Amino acid sequence: MDLELQLLRRLVDASPVPVALVDARDAGQPVVYVNPGFEALTGYAAADLVGRNLRLLQGEHRDQEALQRLREALARGEACEATVRNLRRDGVEFRNEFSVVPLRDADGAVSHFAAYYRQPRLQRDTPPAPPVTVPGIALLREDRLSGLLTRQYIEELLKRDWAIAQRERHSVTVFAIDIDALELYNATFGRGAGDSVIRRVGHCIMGCLRRASDAAARLEGGRFLAFASGLSEDQALQLGRTVAERVRELHIHHPRCAVLRYISVSVGVASAVPAQSQAWDALVGQAGERLQSAKEAGRNTVR
């Protein structure tokens, strides 16, 4: 039985779906467990949440109609679905869609509530981008391991946004991101654990992007590509630093890594207001060169 419980715990820990478990027997309904996916979603470490009520995620937005329906369902010990406005630890607002189900003990009494969260929709200031269609080509949109976009899909998105930026004269920023010493982590803990790291870092990257037009993809292994529009150079560099900081805050132990003893990333940032004669892939190449510079500078670095 102990082995089964360990396997179940490992299964939930590795799940890309954010999960939280709340004690229904305590009047304060404190958190007793959150998985790494939930940490990446909210920016809070498990230690910051355990023992506290999840209402802290609403900040001052406590008068939402969906929250009242949620409270009534929990009081009746019933399952419920809701969409509410929440705040990440860094203050970024997002629409949180989740399902709550009651867990009952051997006597049939509700002992806990389990909450399963969907991918967040961050509060955006631009409408979502339309789907990409390429005549004669079927593009796979989602990378199955990370849940991010595929290389082919993000390249098509970037080509389209690049053309818009050339016409409207606004900036495009590309971020080349690589998980430091992932191969050594795989050798230490196994490929399955490494895949879990890739998923958690991928969620972390997406959580840092602010606009609906921003996008992120996994290229291969632990390497990612993201882009954002309309940022100044200072904003672009700060966003790259935020990504690196959020990954460090996951506190994924990497005992054999000489960089930090925790999982970290190196980030290359390239930003430009594209000239008519400039090709989109030149900016991708610049970001890749700066990523290489960051890794040569000792990793866990933004260039």
Foldseek 3Di string as FASTA:
>chain_A
DVVVVVVVVVVQQLDLWWKWKFFLVDPQRATQDTHLNVCLQQVDARVVGGPHDPCVFAPPVCPDPQVVVVVVCSVVQAKDWGWDWGAHPVGWIWIKTKIKHFDADPVRHGGMIMITTDQIGTDAPDDADDADDDPPDDADAADVLQRFGEPVRVVRLLQVVLVVLQVVQWKKKKKKKFKPPLVLVCVVPNPSVSSSLLNSLSSNLVSLDHHNSKGKHAHDRNIIMIMDIRDDPVRQQVSQLSSQVSQVSSQAADCPDPQPRGIGMQMFMFMDSDHPPDDSVVRVVNRVVRSVVCVVVRGSYYD
